[in-house]
Amino acid sequence: MKIKQRSSLAKNLQGALPKQAFIFSQKDLESLKSFGAIALAVIGAAGIIAAAVVAPNILQIAKHIPKLRRALRKSNEPAKNIARTFYYLKRQDYVKLTKKGADYIVEITQKGKKRLEKMSFNKLKVRGQKKWDGGWWIILADIPKDFRYQADLLRQKVKDLGFYLMQRTVWVYPFDPRKEIAFIAAHYGVGRFTTAVKTAWMDPQDEAALKKYFHLK
């Protein structure tokens, strides 16, 4: 599988495995401060690739990240750095390397996918549309007491993402957060207890408070 060289890794990650896990903005991707993280992201996006194909992409992407760009300038053999990175990922059991002719086939492992999921989970944000359509998304979490710990983690994550807390298990957001909420709920194992619905009407007092909270007109 050939990968076209791109200056942005964000597009490269579209359609990656699992889809919900790869919600990186370019700013998020630039915060990946190691060849290992970048390599794993590229490999995860492509699934199974030849090392000879992916290495130039990692070098190209690294040039757009100041810390890595400085490291490349100091290195006389950047290709060797990439090779070491692949073997590091292999030792960590994030990828499998299989010799094929003059190249190696690189395949991401389940452990590697979990590592990518954690990376993207920590960077998760809800992407707002350019223009608000006037509707409100309501997130409902009817989580049983047996899942209290997971419910607390879910509440904290939703709070960190800037949702408006309407009630203890009811949050509101002006833009479509279904993919992000599904990813979070699945991550904590409470997906079947979490629902997102959209409404075009809101109590005037509540709506005024929401518009003020989200800086909407």
Protein backbone atom coordinates (compact mmCIF):
# COMPACT_ATOMS: atom_id res chain seq x y z
CA MET A 1 0.00 0.00 0.00
CA LYS A 2 1.57 3.30 -1.05
CA ILE A 3 1.18 6.43 1.04
CA LYS A 4 1.48 9.80 -0.64
CA GLN A 5 3.77 12.21 1.17
CA ARG A 6 1.82 14.92 2.97
CA SER A 7 2.74 17.87 5.10
CA SER A 8 -0.16 17.14 7.46
CA LEU A 9 -0.70 13.89 9.31
CA ALA A 10 -4.30 14.80 10.12
CA LYS A 11 -5.57 13.69 6.70
CA ASN A 12 -3.40 10.60 6.87
CA LEU A 13 -5.25 9.50 9.97
CA GLN A 14 -8.72 9.63 8.41
CA GLY A 15 -10.19 6.15 8.22
CA ALA A 16 -7.63 4.69 10.63
CA LEU A 17 -8.21 1.84 13.07
CA PRO A 18 -10.40 2.18 15.09
CA LYS A 19 -12.05 5.16 13.37
CA GLN A 20 -13.24 6.82 16.59
CA ALA A 21 -9.74 6.76 18.01
CA PHE A 22 -8.14 9.07 15.47
CA ILE A 23 -9.56 12.49 16.20
CA PHE A 24 -6.38 14.55 15.97
CA SER A 25 -6.13 18.13 14.81
CA GLN A 26 -2.91 19.34 13.19
CA LYS A 27 -2.09 21.13 16.46
CA ASP A 28 -2.54 17.87 18.36
CA LEU A 29 -0.33 16.02 15.92
CA GLU A 30 2.40 18.62 16.25
CA SER A 31 2.45 17.89 19.98
CA LEU A 32 3.70 14.36 19.24
CA LYS A 33 7.27 14.96 20.27
CA SER A 34 8.90 11.66 19.35
CA PHE A 35 9.55 9.68 16.19
CA GLY A 36 7.94 6.72 17.94
CA ALA A 37 4.59 8.47 18.39
CA ILE A 38 4.60 9.77 14.82
CA ALA A 39 5.62 6.41 13.40
CA LEU A 40 2.91 4.61 15.33
CA ALA A 41 0.31 7.11 14.12
CA VAL A 42 1.36 6.67 10.47
CA ILE A 43 1.45 2.89 10.78
CA GLY A 44 -1.97 2.89 12.47
CA ALA A 45 -3.40 5.00 9.66
CA ALA A 46 -2.12 2.64 6.98
CA GLY A 47 -2.74 -0.67 8.73
CA ILE A 48 -0.08 -2.84 7.04
CA ILE A 49 2.70 -1.07 5.15
CA ALA A 50 6.27 -1.49 3.95
CA ALA A 51 8.88 0.21 6.12
CA ALA A 52 10.53 1.63 3.01
CA VAL A 53 7.25 3.35 2.10
CA VAL A 54 6.39 4.75 5.50
CA ALA A 55 9.84 6.05 6.47
CA PRO A 56 9.85 9.03 4.06
CA ASN A 57 6.40 10.03 5.35
CA ILE A 58 7.64 10.08 8.93
CA LEU A 59 10.61 12.24 7.91
CA GLN A 60 8.34 14.58 5.96
CA ILE A 61 5.92 14.97 8.88
CA ALA A 62 8.74 15.41 11.40
CA LYS A 63 9.96 18.47 9.49
CA HIS A 64 6.75 20.25 10.50
CA ILE A 65 7.30 19.68 14.21
CA PRO A 66 9.90 22.13 15.59
CA LYS A 67 11.44 19.81 18.19
CA LEU A 68 11.85 16.98 15.71
CA ARG A 69 13.01 19.30 12.95
CA ARG A 70 15.86 20.49 15.19
CA ALA A 71 16.72 16.86 15.98
CA LEU A 72 16.85 16.03 12.27
CA ARG A 73 19.23 18.91 11.59
CA LYS A 74 21.59 17.57 14.26
CA SER A 75 21.46 14.04 12.85
CA ASN A 76 23.73 12.96 10.02
CA GLU A 77 21.76 9.75 9.50
CA PRO A 78 18.02 10.41 9.99
CA ALA A 79 17.17 7.14 8.24
CA LYS A 80 18.95 5.24 11.01
CA ASN A 81 16.87 7.09 13.59
CA ILE A 82 13.74 5.88 11.80
CA ALA A 83 15.07 2.31 11.70
CA ARG A 84 15.76 2.44 15.44
CA THR A 85 12.23 3.73 15.94
CA PHE A 86 10.73 0.72 14.16
CA TYR A 87 12.74 -1.67 16.29
CA TYR A 88 11.75 0.24 19.43
CA LEU A 89 8.08 -0.10 18.48
CA LYS A 90 8.67 -3.80 17.83
CA ARG A 91 10.31 -4.29 21.25
CA GLN A 92 7.32 -2.59 22.85
CA ASP A 93 5.05 -5.01 20.91
CA TYR A 94 3.30 -2.10 19.17
CA VAL A 95 4.13 -3.44 15.71
CA LYS A 96 5.21 -6.64 13.96
CA LEU A 97 8.08 -6.59 11.44
CA THR A 98 8.21 -9.21 8.69
CA LYS A 99 11.10 -9.43 6.23
CA LYS A 100 10.01 -9.33 2.58
CA GLY A 101 12.78 -9.00 0.01
CA ALA A 102 14.79 -5.86 0.70
CA ASP A 103 12.02 -4.33 2.82
CA TYR A 104 10.15 -5.04 6.02
CA ILE A 105 6.38 -5.22 6.27
CA VAL A 106 5.13 -3.31 9.33
CA GLU A 107 1.83 -4.32 10.92
CA ILE A 108 0.28 -2.66 13.95
CA THR A 109 -0.61 -5.01 16.84
CA GLN A 110 -3.57 -4.94 19.20
CA LYS A 111 -1.30 -3.42 21.83
CA GLY A 112 -0.30 -0.76 19.33
CA LYS A 113 -3.93 0.01 18.57
CA LYS A 114 -4.65 0.39 22.28
CA ARG A 115 -1.69 2.73 22.62
CA LEU A 116 -2.99 4.83 19.73
CA GLU A 117 -6.45 4.87 21.28
CA LYS A 118 -4.98 6.19 24.53
CA MET A 119 -3.00 8.83 22.66
CA SER A 120 -6.07 10.08 20.83
CA PHE A 121 -8.30 9.78 23.92
CA ASN A 122 -6.02 12.13 25.81
CA LYS A 123 -6.14 14.63 22.92
CA LEU A 124 -9.86 14.27 22.29
CA LYS A 125 -11.82 17.43 21.51
CA VAL A 126 -15.23 18.10 19.98
CA ARG A 127 -14.75 19.90 16.69
CA GLY A 128 -17.24 22.73 16.29
CA GLN A 129 -18.74 23.60 12.93
CA LYS A 130 -18.00 26.99 11.38
CA LYS A 131 -21.55 28.15 12.00
CA TRP A 132 -23.91 27.10 14.78
CA ASP A 133 -27.27 25.88 13.41
CA GLY A 134 -29.27 26.91 16.49
CA GLY A 135 -29.83 23.37 17.79
CA TRP A 136 -28.66 21.79 21.02
CA TRP A 137 -27.23 18.33 21.59
CA ILE A 138 -28.23 16.72 24.88
CA ILE A 139 -26.15 13.89 26.32
CA LEU A 140 -27.99 11.53 28.69
CA ALA A 141 -26.15 8.96 30.81
CA ASP A 142 -28.40 6.58 32.72
CA ILE A 143 -25.60 4.48 34.21
CA PRO A 144 -26.35 1.79 36.84
CA LYS A 145 -24.78 2.00 40.30
CA ASP A 146 -22.61 -1.02 39.52
CA PHE A 147 -20.74 1.23 37.06
CA ARG A 148 -20.30 4.16 39.45
CA TYR A 149 -16.54 4.38 38.93
CA GLN A 150 -16.92 4.46 35.13
CA ALA A 151 -19.72 7.02 35.46
CA ASP A 152 -17.43 9.30 37.48
CA LEU A 153 -14.71 9.01 34.83
CA LEU A 154 -17.24 9.77 32.08
CA ARG A 155 -18.49 12.85 33.94
CA GLN A 156 -14.98 14.14 34.44
CA LYS A 157 -14.05 13.65 30.78
CA VAL A 158 -17.22 15.37 29.54
CA LYS A 159 -16.54 18.23 31.95
CA ASP A 160 -12.99 18.54 30.65
CA LEU A 161 -14.35 18.80 27.10
CA GLY A 162 -16.39 21.85 28.09
CA PHE A 163 -19.95 20.47 27.99
CA TYR A 164 -22.59 22.38 29.95
CA LEU A 165 -23.86 20.43 32.94
CA MET A 166 -27.65 20.69 32.96
CA GLN A 167 -28.20 18.01 35.60
CA ARG A 168 -26.00 15.38 37.24
CA THR A 169 -26.16 13.05 34.23
CA VAL A 170 -27.37 15.47 31.54
CA TRP A 171 -25.01 17.65 29.50
CA VAL A 172 -25.59 20.05 26.61
CA TYR A 173 -23.37 21.02 23.68
CA PRO A 174 -24.12 23.23 20.63
CA PHE A 175 -22.32 21.07 18.06
CA ASP A 176 -22.67 17.42 17.12
CA PRO A 177 -20.59 15.44 19.67
CA ARG A 178 -21.86 11.93 18.86
CA LYS A 179 -18.58 10.48 17.61
CA GLU A 180 -16.64 11.83 20.55
CA ILE A 181 -19.26 10.77 23.11
CA ALA A 182 -19.46 7.30 21.55
CA PHE A 183 -15.66 7.02 21.75
CA ILE A 184 -15.59 8.13 25.42
CA ALA A 185 -18.51 5.91 26.47
CA ALA A 186 -17.01 2.90 24.68
CA HIS A 187 -13.63 3.61 26.27
CA TYR A 188 -15.21 3.37 29.73
CA GLY A 189 -17.53 0.48 28.84
CA VAL A 190 -20.78 2.41 29.34
CA GLY A 191 -21.79 2.96 25.73
CA ARG A 192 -25.12 1.14 26.12
CA PHE A 193 -26.14 3.52 28.91
CA THR A 194 -25.31 6.75 27.05
CA THR A 195 -27.51 8.58 24.54
CA ALA A 196 -27.18 11.75 22.46
CA VAL A 197 -30.26 13.56 21.13
CA LYS A 198 -30.71 16.88 19.34
CA THR A 199 -33.38 19.44 20.14
CA ALA A 200 -34.34 22.65 18.36
CA TRP A 201 -36.14 24.08 21.40
CA MET A 202 -34.78 24.97 24.79
CA ASP A 203 -36.34 26.80 27.73
CA PRO A 204 -35.56 30.51 27.15
CA GLN A 205 -33.76 30.90 30.49
CA ASP A 206 -31.71 27.77 29.92
CA GLU A 207 -30.92 28.83 26.38
CA ALA A 208 -29.73 32.24 27.56
CA ALA A 209 -27.41 30.55 30.05
CA LEU A 210 -26.14 28.15 27.37
CA LYS A 211 -25.44 30.93 24.86
CA LYS A 212 -23.51 32.84 27.49
CA TYR A 213 -21.54 29.70 28.48
CA PHE A 214 -20.62 28.85 24.87
CA HIS A 215 -20.24 32.49 23.74
CA LEU A 216 -22.96 32.17 21.12
CA LYS A 217 -25.26 34.86 19.76
